[in-house]
């Protein structure tokens, strides 16, 4: 995707010290007429006890496209007993005169910073037909690479609990791989539901559930996720 992405990540552990005030500034300047980026962040506890973090990004360059998109993602999770917040802002700048990444439609796709574009198809199809439909949209059957990405898909499921994702067992030997041939254990997300994979000899394709992955017959018809990356 021929776009310029400027990503801002604020990763905070909730171990605030009373009325702390912190600030930082990052300045990057090129030669005159080139790109200038200024970023600053300030955190403080206000008089009502609220923890407030403010950040500002200023960008200037010789030729700036007006096709800007600003997206924010916020999630929280626990790691080793510590509650963490993850806030990500992404500014995506399309090349002048373009409407989408490759002239392909993004209709129905939802953008999540860091991860990319996702579309949840509620129509039920077989695993192979799901692959073909995603390809026809310039995408691929979604592949989960982290717990955070799984959380994104969980929010999109909306009560549908067996949508296809891009993992299967092409050699039928219980060696699950992505549709691109990467071993499941190397994707960053290989969490199975309890008692899964449990399938008999005909269950070689993988669905997603908020509790983890599961296997089902490939000729079964289910909803599915398509994914388009940022690049």
C-alpha atoms as a PDB file:
ATOM      1  CA  UNK A   1       0.000   0.000   0.000  1.00  0.00           C
ATOM      2  CA  UNK A   2       1.608   3.241  -1.086  1.00  0.00           C
ATOM      3  CA  UNK A   3       0.800   5.274   1.976  1.00  0.00           C
ATOM      4  CA  UNK A   4       2.774   7.140   4.585  1.00  0.00           C
ATOM      5  CA  UNK A   5       1.917   6.027   8.095  1.00  0.00           C
ATOM      6  CA  UNK A   6       3.023   8.017  11.128  1.00  0.00           C
ATOM      7  CA  UNK A   7       2.413   5.944  14.236  1.00  0.00           C
ATOM      8  CA  UNK A   8       2.273   7.173  17.804  1.00  0.00           C
ATOM      9  CA  UNK A   9       2.293   4.671  20.645  1.00  0.00           C
ATOM     10  CA  UNK A  10       1.691   5.592  24.278  1.00  0.00           C
ATOM     11  CA  UNK A  11       2.163   2.509  26.472  1.00  0.00           C
ATOM     12  CA  UNK A  12       1.424   3.175  30.125  1.00  0.00           C
ATOM     13  CA  UNK A  13       1.558   0.913  33.177  1.00  0.00           C
ATOM     14  CA  UNK A  14      -1.006   1.941  35.764  1.00  0.00           C
ATOM     15  CA  UNK A  15       1.418   2.537  38.617  1.00  0.00           C
ATOM     16  CA  UNK A  16       0.856   6.284  38.860  1.00  0.00           C
ATOM     17  CA  UNK A  17       2.685   8.314  41.521  1.00  0.00           C
ATOM     18  CA  UNK A  18       0.534  10.946  43.218  1.00  0.00           C
ATOM     19  CA  UNK A  19       0.429  14.220  41.273  1.00  0.00           C
ATOM     20  CA  UNK A  20       3.418  13.381  39.132  1.00  0.00           C
ATOM     21  CA  UNK A  21       4.022  15.681  36.206  1.00  0.00           C
ATOM     22  CA  UNK A  22       6.092  14.439  33.308  1.00  0.00           C
ATOM     23  CA  UNK A  23       6.759  15.868  29.889  1.00  0.00           C
ATOM     24  CA  UNK A  24       8.878  15.022  26.913  1.00  0.00           C
ATOM     25  CA  UNK A  25       9.502  16.359  23.438  1.00  0.00           C
ATOM     26  CA  UNK A  26      10.890  14.790  20.302  1.00  0.00           C
ATOM     27  CA  UNK A  27      11.962  17.014  17.420  1.00  0.00           C
ATOM     28  CA  UNK A  28      12.991  15.783  13.994  1.00  0.00           C
ATOM     29  CA  UNK A  29      13.858  18.366  11.352  1.00  0.00           C
ATOM     30  CA  UNK A  30      15.295  17.781   7.904  1.00  0.00           C
ATOM     31  CA  UNK A  31      16.662  20.344   5.473  1.00  0.00           C
ATOM     32  CA  UNK A  32      14.545  23.392   4.586  1.00  0.00           C
ATOM     33  CA  UNK A  33      11.571  22.376   2.469  1.00  0.00           C
ATOM     34  CA  UNK A  34      11.690  18.788   3.702  1.00  0.00           C
ATOM     35  CA  UNK A  35       9.589  17.108   6.358  1.00  0.00           C
ATOM     36  CA  UNK A  36       9.519  18.489   9.911  1.00  0.00           C
ATOM     37  CA  UNK A  37       7.914  16.477  12.707  1.00  0.00           C
ATOM     38  CA  UNK A  38       7.425  17.700  16.269  1.00  0.00           C
ATOM     39  CA  UNK A  39       5.967  15.494  18.980  1.00  0.00           C
ATOM     40  CA  UNK A  40       5.358  16.262  22.647  1.00  0.00           C
ATOM     41  CA  UNK A  41       3.652  14.435  25.509  1.00  0.00           C
ATOM     42  CA  UNK A  42       2.557  15.635  28.949  1.00  0.00           C
ATOM     43  CA  UNK A  43       1.114  13.575  31.801  1.00  0.00           C
ATOM     44  CA  UNK A  44      -0.327  14.889  35.043  1.00  0.00           C
ATOM     45  CA  UNK A  45      -2.938  14.250  37.701  1.00  0.00           C
ATOM     46  CA  UNK A  46      -5.483  17.059  37.750  1.00  0.00           C
ATOM     47  CA  UNK A  47      -7.257  18.575  40.759  1.00  0.00           C
ATOM     48  CA  UNK A  48     -10.103  16.058  40.612  1.00  0.00           C
ATOM     49  CA  UNK A  49      -7.685  13.136  40.711  1.00  0.00           C
ATOM     50  CA  UNK A  50      -7.994  12.181  37.042  1.00  0.00           C
ATOM     51  CA  UNK A  51      -4.846  10.981  35.291  1.00  0.00           C
ATOM     52  CA  UNK A  52      -4.493  13.020  32.082  1.00  0.00           C
ATOM     53  CA  UNK A  53      -2.030  12.372  29.272  1.00  0.00           C
ATOM     54  CA  UNK A  54      -1.940  14.815  26.372  1.00  0.00           C
ATOM     55  CA  UNK A  55       0.142  14.432  23.237  1.00  0.00           C
ATOM     56  CA  UNK A  56       0.611  16.631  20.211  1.00  0.00           C
ATOM     57  CA  UNK A  57       2.042  15.926  16.781  1.00  0.00           C
ATOM     58  CA  UNK A  58       2.915  18.625  14.254  1.00  0.00           C
ATOM     59  CA  UNK A  59       4.069  17.729  10.754  1.00  0.00           C
ATOM     60  CA  UNK A  60       5.113  20.036   7.944  1.00  0.00           C
ATOM     61  CA  UNK A  61       6.585  19.256   4.540  1.00  0.00           C
ATOM     62  CA  UNK A  62       6.951  20.786   1.119  1.00  0.00           C
ATOM     63  CA  UNK A  63       4.019  18.902  -0.379  1.00  0.00           C
ATOM     64  CA  UNK A  64       1.363  17.517   1.939  1.00  0.00           C
ATOM     65  CA  UNK A  65      -1.542  15.413   0.746  1.00  0.00           C
ATOM     66  CA  UNK A  66      -5.004  16.400   1.953  1.00  0.00           C
ATOM     67  CA  UNK A  67      -6.026  12.737   2.102  1.00  0.00           C
ATOM     68  CA  UNK A  68      -5.359  12.154   5.782  1.00  0.00           C
ATOM     69  CA  UNK A  69      -6.972   9.598   8.046  1.00  0.00           C
ATOM     70  CA  UNK A  70      -6.637   9.608  11.831  1.00  0.00           C
ATOM     71  CA  UNK A  71      -7.456   6.501  13.858  1.00  0.00           C
ATOM     72  CA  UNK A  72      -7.092   5.632  17.525  1.00  0.00           C
ATOM     73  CA  UNK A  73      -7.115   2.286  19.273  1.00  0.00           C
ATOM     74  CA  UNK A  74      -7.292   1.798  23.030  1.00  0.00           C
ATOM     75  CA  UNK A  75      -7.164  -1.506  24.845  1.00  0.00           C
ATOM     76  CA  UNK A  76      -6.128  -2.681  28.293  1.00  0.00           C
ATOM     77  CA  UNK A  77      -4.880  -6.006  29.522  1.00  0.00           C
ATOM     78  CA  UNK A  78      -3.098  -7.653  32.429  1.00  0.00           C
ATOM     79  CA  UNK A  79       0.449  -8.983  32.233  1.00  0.00           C
ATOM     80  CA  UNK A  80       2.095 -10.696  35.212  1.00  0.00           C
ATOM     81  CA  UNK A  81      -0.300  -9.033  37.626  1.00  0.00           C
ATOM     82  CA  UNK A  82       0.220  -5.547  36.198  1.00  0.00           C
ATOM     83  CA  UNK A  83      -2.689  -3.757  34.534  1.00  0.00           C
ATOM     84  CA  UNK A  84      -1.563  -2.066  31.318  1.00  0.00           C
ATOM     85  CA  UNK A  85      -3.132   0.412  28.928  1.00  0.00           C
ATOM     86  CA  UNK A  86      -2.196   0.494  25.258  1.00  0.00           C
ATOM     87  CA  UNK A  87      -3.091   3.584  23.236  1.00  0.00           C
ATOM     88  CA  UNK A  88      -2.181   3.830  19.586  1.00  0.00           C
ATOM     89  CA  UNK A  89      -2.771   6.678  17.168  1.00  0.00           C
ATOM     90  CA  UNK A  90      -2.154   6.262  13.450  1.00  0.00           C
ATOM     91  CA  UNK A  91      -2.090   9.012  10.834  1.00  0.00           C
ATOM     92  CA  UNK A  92      -2.338   7.540   7.353  1.00  0.00           C
ATOM     93  CA  UNK A  93      -1.573   9.825   4.409  1.00  0.00           C
ATOM     94  CA  UNK A  94      -2.534   8.647   0.947  1.00  0.00           C
ATOM     95  CA  UNK A  95      -0.561   9.782  -2.096  1.00  0.00           C
ATOM     96  CA  UNK A  96      -2.054  12.906  -3.745  1.00  0.00           C
ATOM     97  CA  UNK A  97      -4.900  12.023  -6.090  1.00  0.00           C
ATOM     98  CA  UNK A  98      -5.471   8.536  -4.737  1.00  0.00           C
ATOM     99  CA  UNK A  99      -8.634   7.311  -3.038  1.00  0.00           C
ATOM    100  CA  UNK A 100      -7.395   4.007  -1.634  1.00  0.00           C
ATOM    101  CA  UNK A 101      -4.258   1.971  -1.346  1.00  0.00           C
ATOM    102  CA  UNK A 102      -4.237   0.274  -4.742  1.00  0.00           C
ATOM    103  CA  UNK A 103      -7.343   1.629  -6.343  1.00  0.00           C
ATOM    104  CA  UNK A 104      -9.259  -1.228  -4.696  1.00  0.00           C
ATOM    105  CA  UNK A 105     -12.410  -0.671  -2.694  1.00  0.00           C
ATOM    106  CA  UNK A 106     -12.237  -0.768   1.091  1.00  0.00           C
ATOM    107  CA  UNK A 107     -16.025  -0.828   1.371  1.00  0.00           C
ATOM    108  CA  UNK A 108     -17.112  -2.743   4.437  1.00  0.00           C
ATOM    109  CA  UNK A 109     -13.596  -2.872   5.896  1.00  0.00           C
ATOM    110  CA  UNK A 110     -12.904  -1.473   9.340  1.00  0.00           C
ATOM    111  CA  UNK A 111      -9.505   0.050  10.070  1.00  0.00           C
ATOM    112  CA  UNK A 112      -7.588  -0.811  13.237  1.00  0.00           C
ATOM    113  CA  UNK A 113      -4.244   0.980  13.744  1.00  0.00           C
ATOM    114  CA  UNK A 114      -1.163  -1.272  13.755  1.00  0.00           C
ATOM    115  CA  UNK A 115      -3.159  -4.278  12.551  1.00  0.00           C
ATOM    116  CA  UNK A 116      -4.795  -3.153   9.294  1.00  0.00           C
ATOM    117  CA  UNK A 117      -8.219  -3.463   7.675  1.00  0.00           C
ATOM    118  CA  UNK A 118     -10.753  -6.181   8.523  1.00  0.00           C
ATOM    119  CA  UNK A 119     -14.130  -7.189   7.155  1.00  0.00           C
ATOM    120  CA  UNK A 120     -16.456  -9.641   8.862  1.00  0.00           C
ATOM    121  CA  UNK A 121     -18.579 -11.487   6.313  1.00  0.00           C
ATOM    122  CA  UNK A 122     -21.798 -12.769   7.852  1.00  0.00           C
ATOM    123  CA  UNK A 123     -22.712 -14.883   4.847  1.00  0.00           C
ATOM    124  CA  UNK A 124     -21.782 -18.514   5.374  1.00  0.00           C
ATOM    125  CA  UNK A 125     -19.452 -20.225   2.915  1.00  0.00           C
ATOM    126  CA  UNK A 126     -16.947 -23.083   2.871  1.00  0.00           C
ATOM    127  CA  UNK A 127     -13.318 -22.500   3.789  1.00  0.00           C
ATOM    128  CA  UNK A 128     -12.140 -22.497   0.160  1.00  0.00           C
ATOM    129  CA  UNK A 129     -14.885 -20.112  -0.929  1.00  0.00           C
ATOM    130  CA  UNK A 130     -13.945 -17.783   1.933  1.00  0.00           C
ATOM    131  CA  UNK A 131     -10.373 -17.714   0.599  1.00  0.00           C
ATOM    132  CA  UNK A 132     -11.635 -16.843  -2.896  1.00  0.00           C
ATOM    133  CA  UNK A 133     -13.944 -14.068  -1.702  1.00  0.00           C
ATOM    134  CA  UNK A 134     -11.178 -12.414   0.315  1.00  0.00           C
ATOM    135  CA  UNK A 135      -8.823 -12.617  -2.668  1.00  0.00           C
ATOM    136  CA  UNK A 136     -11.457 -11.000  -4.908  1.00  0.00           C
ATOM    137  CA  UNK A 137     -11.447  -8.030  -2.517  1.00  0.00           C
ATOM    138  CA  UNK A 138      -7.669  -7.662  -2.607  1.00  0.00           C
ATOM    139  CA  UNK A 139      -7.420  -9.223   0.846  1.00  0.00           C
ATOM    140  CA  UNK A 140      -6.809 -12.619   2.415  1.00  0.00           C
ATOM    141  CA  UNK A 141      -8.500 -14.789   5.006  1.00  0.00           C
ATOM    142  CA  UNK A 142      -7.507 -13.231   8.333  1.00  0.00           C
ATOM    143  CA  UNK A 143      -4.440 -14.543  10.165  1.00  0.00           C
ATOM    144  CA  UNK A 144      -4.121 -13.723  13.866  1.00  0.00           C
ATOM    145  CA  UNK A 145      -0.643 -12.755  15.072  1.00  0.00           C
ATOM    146  CA  UNK A 146      -1.178 -11.677  18.680  1.00  0.00           C
ATOM    147  CA  UNK A 147      -3.572 -11.638  21.621  1.00  0.00           C
ATOM    148  CA  UNK A 148      -4.224  -7.980  20.849  1.00  0.00           C
ATOM    149  CA  UNK A 149      -5.261  -8.795  17.282  1.00  0.00           C
ATOM    150  CA  UNK A 150      -7.492 -11.590  18.587  1.00  0.00           C
ATOM    151  CA  UNK A 151      -9.158  -9.018  20.853  1.00  0.00           C
ATOM    152  CA  UNK A 152      -9.879  -6.866  17.798  1.00  0.00           C
ATOM    153  CA  UNK A 153     -11.598  -9.756  16.019  1.00  0.00           C
ATOM    154  CA  UNK A 154     -13.521 -10.667  19.167  1.00  0.00           C
ATOM    155  CA  UNK A 155     -15.123  -7.233  19.124  1.00  0.00           C
ATOM    156  CA  UNK A 156     -16.208  -7.743  15.508  1.00  0.00           C
ATOM    157  CA  UNK A 157     -17.707 -11.214  15.934  1.00  0.00           C
ATOM    158  CA  UNK A 158     -21.021  -9.891  17.290  1.00  0.00           C
ATOM    159  CA  UNK A 159     -22.313 -13.241  18.474  1.00  0.00           C
ATOM    160  CA  UNK A 160     -21.042 -15.319  15.560  1.00  0.00           C
ATOM    161  CA  UNK A 161     -18.761 -17.903  17.105  1.00  0.00           C
ATOM    162  CA  UNK A 162     -17.281 -19.988  14.300  1.00  0.00           C
ATOM    163  CA  UNK A 163     -15.939 -17.669  11.559  1.00  0.00           C
ATOM    164  CA  UNK A 164     -13.176 -19.039   9.363  1.00  0.00           C
ATOM    165  CA  UNK A 165      -9.654 -17.642   9.681  1.00  0.00           C
ATOM    166  CA  UNK A 166      -6.636 -18.330   7.486  1.00  0.00           C
ATOM    167  CA  UNK A 167      -5.345 -21.498   9.153  1.00  0.00           C
ATOM    168  CA  UNK A 168      -5.755 -25.110   8.032  1.00  0.00           C
ATOM    169  CA  UNK A 169      -4.085 -28.516   7.933  1.00  0.00           C
ATOM    170  CA  UNK A 170      -3.326 -28.966   4.214  1.00  0.00           C
ATOM    171  CA  UNK A 171      -1.371 -32.215   4.650  1.00  0.00           C
ATOM    172  CA  UNK A 172      -4.006 -33.707   6.973  1.00  0.00           C
ATOM    173  CA  UNK A 173      -1.438 -34.692   9.583  1.00  0.00           C
ATOM    174  CA  UNK A 174      -2.489 -32.315  12.408  1.00  0.00           C
ATOM    175  CA  UNK A 175       0.224 -29.849  11.420  1.00  0.00           C
ATOM    176  CA  UNK A 176      -1.794 -26.639  11.253  1.00  0.00           C
ATOM    177  CA  UNK A 177      -0.441 -23.846   9.078  1.00  0.00           C
ATOM    178  CA  UNK A 178      -1.587 -20.530   7.687  1.00  0.00           C
ATOM    179  CA  UNK A 179      -2.848 -20.333   4.124  1.00  0.00           C
ATOM    180  CA  UNK A 180       0.630 -18.980   3.285  1.00  0.00           C
ATOM    181  CA  UNK A 181       2.380 -22.027   4.745  1.00  0.00           C
ATOM    182  CA  UNK A 182       3.591 -20.571   8.058  1.00  0.00           C
ATOM    183  CA  UNK A 183       3.348 -22.995  11.010  1.00  0.00           C
ATOM    184  CA  UNK A 184       0.616 -21.926  13.405  1.00  0.00           C
ATOM    185  CA  UNK A 185       3.048 -21.898  16.338  1.00  0.00           C
ATOM    186  CA  UNK A 186       5.114 -19.232  14.516  1.00  0.00           C
ATOM    187  CA  UNK A 187       2.257 -16.783  13.942  1.00  0.00           C
ATOM    188  CA  UNK A 188       2.254 -15.311  17.444  1.00  0.00           C
ATOM    189  CA  UNK A 189      -1.202 -16.678  18.231  1.00  0.00           C
ATOM    190  CA  UNK A 190      -1.793 -20.413  18.633  1.00  0.00           C
ATOM    191  CA  UNK A 191      -4.347 -20.468  21.425  1.00  0.00           C
ATOM    192  CA  UNK A 192      -6.895 -23.260  21.069  1.00  0.00           C
ATOM    193  CA  UNK A 193     -10.248 -23.542  22.784  1.00  0.00           C
ATOM    194  CA  UNK A 194     -10.470 -26.125  25.534  1.00  0.00           C
ATOM    195  CA  UNK A 195     -10.478 -29.638  24.003  1.00  0.00           C
ATOM    196  CA  UNK A 196      -9.480 -28.250  20.592  1.00  0.00           C
ATOM    197  CA  UNK A 197      -8.339 -29.332  18.117  1.00  0.00           C
ATOM    198  CA  UNK A 198     -10.642 -32.279  18.709  1.00  0.00           C
ATOM    199  CA  UNK A 199     -11.794 -33.132  15.240  1.00  0.00           C
ATOM    200  CA  UNK A 200     -11.966 -36.525  13.654  1.00  0.00           C
ATOM    201  CA  UNK A 201     -10.078 -37.143  10.446  1.00  0.00           C
ATOM    202  CA  UNK A 202     -12.180 -34.714   8.392  1.00  0.00           C
ATOM    203  CA  UNK A 203     -11.646 -31.517  10.412  1.00  0.00           C
ATOM    204  CA  UNK A 204      -8.763 -29.688   8.772  1.00  0.00           C
ATOM    205  CA  UNK A 205      -9.856 -26.032   8.713  1.00  0.00           C
ATOM    206  CA  UNK A 206      -9.771 -23.543  11.566  1.00  0.00           C
ATOM    207  CA  UNK A 207     -12.349 -21.148  12.941  1.00  0.00           C
ATOM    208  CA  UNK A 208     -11.969 -18.331  15.476  1.00  0.00           C
ATOM    209  CA  UNK A 209     -13.776 -18.021  18.781  1.00  0.00           C
ATOM    210  CA  UNK A 210     -13.107 -15.418  21.491  1.00  0.00           C
ATOM    211  CA  UNK A 211     -11.950 -18.316  23.679  1.00  0.00           C
ATOM    212  CA  UNK A 212      -9.493 -19.579  21.062  1.00  0.00           C
ATOM    213  CA  UNK A 213      -9.211 -21.503  17.816  1.00  0.00           C
ATOM    214  CA  UNK A 214     -11.092 -24.638  16.823  1.00  0.00           C
ATOM    215  CA  UNK A 215     -11.179 -27.061  13.903  1.00  0.00           C
ATOM    216  CA  UNK A 216     -14.127 -28.004  11.691  1.00  0.00           C
ATOM    217  CA  UNK A 217     -14.708 -29.768   8.367  1.00  0.00           C
ATOM    218  CA  UNK A 218     -13.527 -27.546   5.510  1.00  0.00           C
ATOM    219  CA  UNK A 219     -16.749 -28.083   3.572  1.00  0.00           C
ATOM    220  CA  UNK A 220     -18.838 -26.717   6.449  1.00  0.00           C
ATOM    221  CA  UNK A 221     -20.238 -23.237   5.873  1.00  0.00           C
ATOM    222  CA  UNK A 222     -19.437 -20.458   8.317  1.00  0.00           C
ATOM    223  CA  UNK A 223     -18.918 -16.708   8.486  1.00  0.00           C
ATOM    224  CA  UNK A 224     -15.373 -15.477   7.889  1.00  0.00           C
ATOM    225  CA  UNK A 225     -12.890 -12.627   8.338  1.00  0.00           C
ATOM    226  CA  UNK A 226     -10.977 -10.958   5.506  1.00  0.00           C
ATOM    227  CA  UNK A 227      -7.844  -8.957   6.277  1.00  0.00           C
ATOM    228  CA  UNK A 228      -5.872  -6.308   4.417  1.00  0.00           C
ATOM    229  CA  UNK A 229      -2.595  -5.191   5.923  1.00  0.00           C
ATOM    230  CA  UNK A 230      -1.195  -1.682   6.078  1.00  0.00           C
ATOM    231  CA  UNK A 231       1.511  -2.394   3.491  1.00  0.00           C
END
